[in-house]
Amino acid sequence: MPYRALTHLIDSHFEVLSPELQRAARWVREHPAELGLQSLRASARAAGVAPATLSRLSHALGLDDFEAMRRPVVEALARGAGGGLVAANESDEPVRPLTQAQLRNVASTASRNTVDVVNAAADVLLAARQLCFLGLRASFGIAHHLRYACDWLRPDTLLAGDASGALVDQIAQLTPADALVVVSQAPYTRQTVECAQLAFEAGVPLIALTDSPLSPLARLARHALLFDAASPSFFHSMAGAQALAETLVAAVAARGGEPVVRRLAEVQARQHAHKAYWEKRPLKANFS
């Protein structure tokens, strides 16, 4: 079955799936590369569902099992650089140069970072008393996503910001028991580099998501995770940075053990109690 057929199955069945299966289906639809490269359990963790949910999704789509759902993605990846996944787009237009650059940037997260380096960075994030994230200008969205996702996995997370002019004060409160995650790419934001230097001088462990081992952030970091940001557009591409952020979060989730499981249950219960997410209600039958 080609990957395009799998996406068609998901799209045609989506409305009749339960909310939990819809959540799994949306992840499968939006993260094909991760699905193709990960096991059932790793994919379930990334999707925020139980492994059994992905198995039930495959059955709901009329497939034999999880591997039958995963196989079209693996075959598309084997054809080279995600080309088969791009071809799954309903459009028959050729892949645009920007899309090609984005795919290369996403692929760079695997080629430029070993599993050991990512896991070591994840361990720092899990061990820190307080975890602070900093990204300004174009990198703000990446830092925000990292903080949001990690807050589901562990308590005491903070997104540093300069809205009130107190950015330096926030960084100055960190201690060697804490950790600072910084995100930036060339041209590097001056405030980000200066805050990283301040934290480094105070002995705060730094994790840097950046574009070069020679960047001012990488040279200060205990662990530097690298991404490509090339783009034919005027703006640098953030696709690699986002993919790298998700890779780091997945490692934190996988290595966090029971404390992460408890934290996830607490956050999910709180979100459910406050009705944070919209749920489709079944239509009432009208027999009149």
Protein backbone atom coordinates (compact mmCIF):
# COMPACT_ATOMS: atom_id res chain seq x y z
CA MET A 1 0.00 0.00 0.00
CA PRO A 2 1.50 3.40 -0.94
CA TYR A 3 1.74 6.12 1.67
CA ARG A 4 -0.87 8.16 -0.15
CA ALA A 5 -3.36 5.33 0.41
CA LEU A 6 -2.62 5.37 4.15
CA THR A 7 -3.27 9.11 4.40
CA HIS A 8 -6.50 8.63 2.44
CA LEU A 9 -7.58 5.93 4.91
CA ILE A 10 -6.93 8.23 7.85
CA ASP A 11 -8.73 11.17 6.27
CA SER A 12 -11.78 9.11 5.26
CA HIS A 13 -12.16 7.43 8.68
CA PHE A 14 -11.24 10.38 10.89
CA GLU A 15 -14.73 11.68 11.70
CA VAL A 16 -16.02 8.30 12.91
CA LEU A 17 -13.05 7.62 15.21
CA SER A 18 -13.25 8.12 18.97
CA PRO A 19 -11.50 11.23 20.38
CA GLU A 20 -8.54 9.11 21.55
CA LEU A 21 -8.17 7.42 18.17
CA GLN A 22 -8.47 10.83 16.47
CA ARG A 23 -5.58 12.04 18.59
CA ALA A 24 -3.48 9.07 17.50
CA ALA A 25 -4.56 9.45 13.85
CA ARG A 26 -3.66 13.13 13.82
CA TRP A 27 -0.17 12.32 15.12
CA VAL A 28 0.31 9.57 12.51
CA ARG A 29 -0.85 11.96 9.78
CA GLU A 30 1.40 14.82 10.92
CA HIS A 31 4.56 12.89 11.94
CA PRO A 32 5.19 10.29 9.24
CA ALA A 33 8.98 10.37 9.55
CA GLU A 34 8.82 9.65 13.29
CA LEU A 35 6.32 6.86 12.69
CA GLY A 36 8.64 5.26 10.16
CA LEU A 37 11.71 5.43 12.39
CA GLN A 38 10.26 4.52 15.79
CA SER A 39 8.86 1.46 17.50
CA LEU A 40 5.25 1.09 18.58
CA ARG A 41 6.03 2.16 22.14
CA ALA A 42 8.19 5.13 21.12
CA SER A 43 5.54 6.30 18.66
CA ALA A 44 2.84 5.98 21.33
CA ARG A 45 4.90 8.07 23.75
CA ALA A 46 5.43 10.74 21.10
CA ALA A 47 1.71 10.76 20.28
CA GLY A 48 0.73 10.91 23.95
CA VAL A 49 -1.38 7.75 23.76
CA ALA A 50 -1.11 4.15 24.93
CA PRO A 51 0.55 1.62 22.60
CA ALA A 52 -2.75 -0.23 22.46
CA THR A 53 -4.37 2.90 21.01
CA LEU A 54 -2.09 2.83 17.97
CA SER A 55 -2.89 -0.85 17.52
CA ARG A 56 -6.62 -0.11 17.74
CA LEU A 57 -6.17 2.70 15.22
CA SER A 58 -4.65 0.32 12.69
CA HIS A 59 -7.59 -2.05 13.15
CA ALA A 60 -10.06 0.82 12.80
CA LEU A 61 -8.43 1.65 9.46
CA GLY A 62 -8.90 -1.93 8.30
CA LEU A 63 -5.23 -2.90 8.69
CA ASP A 64 -3.87 -6.01 10.38
CA ASP A 65 -1.66 -4.35 12.98
CA PHE A 66 0.64 -1.41 13.77
CA GLU A 67 3.36 -2.68 11.44
CA ALA A 68 0.90 -2.72 8.54
CA MET A 69 0.16 0.96 9.25
CA ARG A 70 3.84 1.77 9.60
CA ARG A 71 5.05 -0.12 6.50
CA PRO A 72 4.00 2.46 3.85
CA VAL A 73 5.97 5.13 5.71
CA VAL A 74 9.07 2.92 5.97
CA GLU A 75 8.89 2.18 2.24
CA ALA A 76 8.48 5.89 1.43
CA LEU A 77 11.50 6.77 3.58
CA ALA A 78 13.52 4.02 1.92
CA ARG A 79 12.93 5.67 -1.44
CA GLY A 80 15.06 8.52 -0.20
CA ALA A 81 14.95 11.69 1.96
CA GLY A 82 11.23 11.50 2.57
CA GLY A 83 10.43 11.85 -1.12
CA GLY A 84 7.62 9.34 -0.84
CA LEU A 85 6.13 11.28 2.05
CA VAL A 86 6.13 14.49 0.07
CA ALA A 87 4.54 12.67 -2.84
CA ALA A 88 1.67 11.81 -0.51
CA ASN A 89 0.47 15.37 -0.90
CA GLU A 90 -2.71 15.54 -2.92
CA SER A 91 -1.02 18.00 -5.25
CA ASP A 92 0.93 16.62 -8.21
CA GLU A 93 3.16 19.67 -8.34
CA PRO A 94 6.91 19.03 -8.02
CA VAL A 95 8.45 19.58 -4.62
CA ARG A 96 9.38 23.21 -4.24
CA PRO A 97 12.94 24.20 -3.28
CA LEU A 98 11.75 25.40 0.13
CA THR A 99 10.17 22.04 0.89
CA GLN A 100 13.34 20.27 -0.19
CA ALA A 101 15.37 22.49 2.15
CA GLN A 102 12.96 21.85 5.00
CA LEU A 103 13.26 18.09 4.53
CA ARG A 104 17.05 18.34 4.59
CA ASN A 105 16.89 20.47 7.73
CA VAL A 106 14.68 17.93 9.48
CA ALA A 107 17.01 15.11 8.41
CA SER A 108 19.98 17.04 9.81
CA THR A 109 18.75 16.48 13.36
CA ALA A 110 19.56 12.77 13.00
CA SER A 111 22.81 13.17 11.05
CA ARG A 112 24.29 15.88 13.30
CA ASN A 113 23.32 14.49 16.72
CA THR A 114 24.13 11.07 18.13
CA VAL A 115 21.62 9.25 20.29
CA ASP A 116 24.05 9.47 23.21
CA VAL A 117 24.27 13.26 22.98
CA VAL A 118 20.49 13.67 22.86
CA ASN A 119 20.05 11.28 25.79
CA ALA A 120 22.71 13.08 27.83
CA ALA A 121 20.92 16.39 27.25
CA ALA A 122 17.61 14.80 28.22
CA ASP A 123 19.14 13.55 31.47
CA VAL A 124 20.21 17.10 32.35
CA LEU A 125 16.65 18.31 31.77
CA LEU A 126 15.27 15.58 34.02
CA ALA A 127 17.79 16.13 36.82
CA ALA A 128 17.51 19.92 37.10
CA ARG A 129 15.71 21.41 40.07
CA GLN A 130 14.25 24.13 37.85
CA LEU A 131 14.30 24.13 34.06
CA CYS A 132 14.46 27.43 32.21
CA PHE A 133 14.01 27.90 28.45
CA LEU A 134 15.23 30.88 26.49
CA GLY A 135 14.73 31.74 22.85
CA LEU A 136 14.18 35.20 21.42
CA ARG A 137 13.09 36.57 18.05
CA ALA A 138 12.62 33.70 15.57
CA SER A 139 13.63 31.15 18.22
CA PHE A 140 10.95 32.16 20.70
CA GLY A 141 8.42 29.70 19.29
CA ILE A 142 10.87 26.81 19.65
CA ALA A 143 11.62 27.71 23.27
CA HIS A 144 7.91 28.09 24.00
CA HIS A 145 7.18 24.66 22.54
CA LEU A 146 10.00 23.08 24.53
CA ARG A 147 8.77 24.59 27.76
CA TYR A 148 5.14 23.62 27.07
CA ALA A 149 6.01 20.02 26.24
CA CYS A 150 8.49 19.56 29.08
CA ASP A 151 5.97 20.97 31.55
CA TRP A 152 3.82 17.92 30.76
CA LEU A 153 6.76 15.70 31.72
CA ARG A 154 8.18 17.39 34.82
CA PRO A 155 7.38 20.26 37.18
CA ASP A 156 9.21 23.55 37.73
CA THR A 157 9.65 24.77 34.16
CA LEU A 158 10.00 28.41 33.17
CA LEU A 159 9.96 30.30 29.88
CA ALA A 160 12.29 33.29 30.20
CA GLY A 161 11.11 36.47 28.51
CA ASP A 162 11.92 40.15 28.23
CA ALA A 163 8.40 41.60 28.21
CA SER A 164 9.01 43.52 31.44
CA GLY A 165 12.72 44.09 30.94
CA ALA A 166 13.48 41.50 33.64
CA LEU A 167 15.11 38.87 31.42
CA VAL A 168 18.53 39.20 33.06
CA ASP A 169 16.93 39.02 36.51
CA GLN A 170 15.25 35.72 35.61
CA ILE A 171 18.51 34.20 34.42
CA ALA A 172 20.45 35.54 37.42
CA GLN A 173 18.19 33.58 39.78
CA LEU A 174 19.29 30.25 38.30
CA THR A 175 21.79 28.13 40.24
CA PRO A 176 24.03 25.15 39.40
CA ALA A 177 21.15 22.93 40.55
CA ASP A 178 19.02 24.29 37.69
CA ALA A 179 19.46 24.11 33.91
CA LEU A 180 19.05 26.56 31.05
CA VAL A 181 18.02 25.51 27.54
CA VAL A 182 18.90 28.15 24.95
CA VAL A 183 17.86 28.30 21.29
CA SER A 184 19.38 30.53 18.63
CA GLN A 185 20.91 30.45 15.16
CA ALA A 186 22.99 32.86 13.11
CA PRO A 187 22.75 35.79 13.38
CA TYR A 188 22.66 35.07 17.11
CA THR A 189 20.46 37.26 19.27
CA ARG A 190 22.70 39.35 21.52
CA GLN A 191 20.46 39.04 24.61
CA THR A 192 20.38 35.26 24.27
CA VAL A 193 24.18 35.00 24.10
CA GLU A 194 24.67 37.41 27.01
CA CYS A 195 22.17 35.52 29.18
CA ALA A 196 23.89 32.24 28.31
CA GLN A 197 27.23 33.74 29.32
CA LEU A 198 25.73 34.94 32.61
CA ALA A 199 24.36 31.48 33.37
CA PHE A 200 27.62 29.80 32.36
CA GLU A 201 29.62 32.03 34.71
CA ALA A 202 27.24 31.08 37.53
CA GLY A 203 27.82 27.38 36.89
CA VAL A 204 24.34 26.71 35.47
CA PRO A 205 24.31 23.70 33.11
CA LEU A 206 23.47 24.82 29.55
CA ILE A 207 21.80 22.85 26.78
CA ALA A 208 22.05 24.65 23.43
CA LEU A 209 19.95 24.06 20.34
CA THR A 210 21.88 25.88 17.66
CA ASP A 211 23.16 25.68 14.10
CA SER A 212 26.92 25.27 14.50
CA PRO A 213 29.44 23.77 16.93
CA LEU A 214 31.23 27.11 16.60
CA SER A 215 28.22 29.20 17.65
CA PRO A 216 28.69 31.24 20.84
CA LEU A 217 26.00 29.11 22.51
CA ALA A 218 27.59 25.76 21.60
CA ARG A 219 30.91 26.86 23.05
CA LEU A 220 29.25 27.56 26.42
CA ALA A 221 26.98 24.52 26.50
CA ARG A 222 27.44 21.30 28.41
CA HIS A 223 25.61 19.64 25.52
CA ALA A 224 25.11 21.27 22.11
CA LEU A 225 22.40 19.87 19.84
CA LEU A 226 22.72 20.97 16.22
CA PHE A 227 20.29 21.63 13.38
CA ASP A 228 20.50 22.98 9.84
CA ALA A 229 18.58 26.15 8.98
CA ALA A 230 19.24 26.56 5.25
CA SER A 231 16.46 28.05 3.14
CA PRO A 232 16.04 29.51 -0.35
CA SER A 233 13.70 32.04 1.25
CA PHE A 234 14.71 35.34 2.83
CA PHE A 235 14.15 33.85 6.28
CA HIS A 236 16.05 30.98 7.81
CA SER A 237 14.10 27.74 8.10
CA MET A 238 12.93 26.75 11.60
CA ALA A 239 11.95 23.22 10.52
CA GLY A 240 15.21 21.68 11.75
CA ALA A 241 15.03 23.48 15.08
CA GLN A 242 11.46 22.31 15.63
CA ALA A 243 12.33 18.72 14.72
CA LEU A 244 15.30 18.81 17.09
CA ALA A 245 13.13 20.20 19.89
CA GLU A 246 10.65 17.36 19.42
CA THR A 247 13.50 14.82 19.41
CA LEU A 248 14.75 16.18 22.73
CA VAL A 249 11.28 16.11 24.28
CA ALA A 250 10.80 12.52 23.10
CA ALA A 251 14.08 11.55 24.80
CA VAL A 252 12.98 13.23 28.03
CA ALA A 253 9.70 11.32 27.93
CA ALA A 254 11.41 8.02 27.18
CA ARG A 255 14.04 8.38 29.91
CA GLY A 256 11.93 9.92 32.65
CA GLY A 257 10.50 6.68 33.99
CA GLU A 258 7.80 6.61 36.64
CA PRO A 259 8.06 10.32 37.58
CA VAL A 260 7.19 11.28 34.01
CA VAL A 261 4.26 8.84 33.99
CA ARG A 262 2.92 10.37 37.22
CA ARG A 263 3.42 13.90 35.93
CA LEU A 264 1.59 13.11 32.69
CA ALA A 265 -1.33 11.67 34.64
CA GLU A 266 -1.49 14.78 36.86
CA VAL A 267 -1.43 17.21 33.95
CA GLN A 268 -3.95 15.20 31.93
CA ALA A 269 -6.30 15.07 34.91
CA ARG A 270 -6.02 18.83 35.40
CA GLN A 271 -6.61 19.54 31.73
CA HIS A 272 -9.62 17.23 31.71
CA ALA A 273 -11.06 18.86 34.85
CA HIS A 274 -10.80 22.30 33.24
CA LYS A 275 -12.17 21.05 29.90
CA ALA A 276 -9.08 22.36 28.14
CA TYR A 277 -9.75 20.55 24.88
CA TRP A 278 -12.79 20.41 22.66
CA GLU A 279 -14.40 17.00 22.34
CA LYS A 280 -16.87 16.07 19.66
CA ARG A 281 -20.22 15.17 21.17
CA PRO A 282 -22.28 12.43 19.54
CA LEU A 283 -25.29 13.65 17.61
CA LYS A 284 -28.63 12.89 19.22
CA ALA A 285 -30.91 10.78 17.10
CA ASN A 286 -34.15 12.45 16.09
CA PHE A 287 -36.94 9.93 15.67
CA SER A 288 -39.77 12.43 15.42
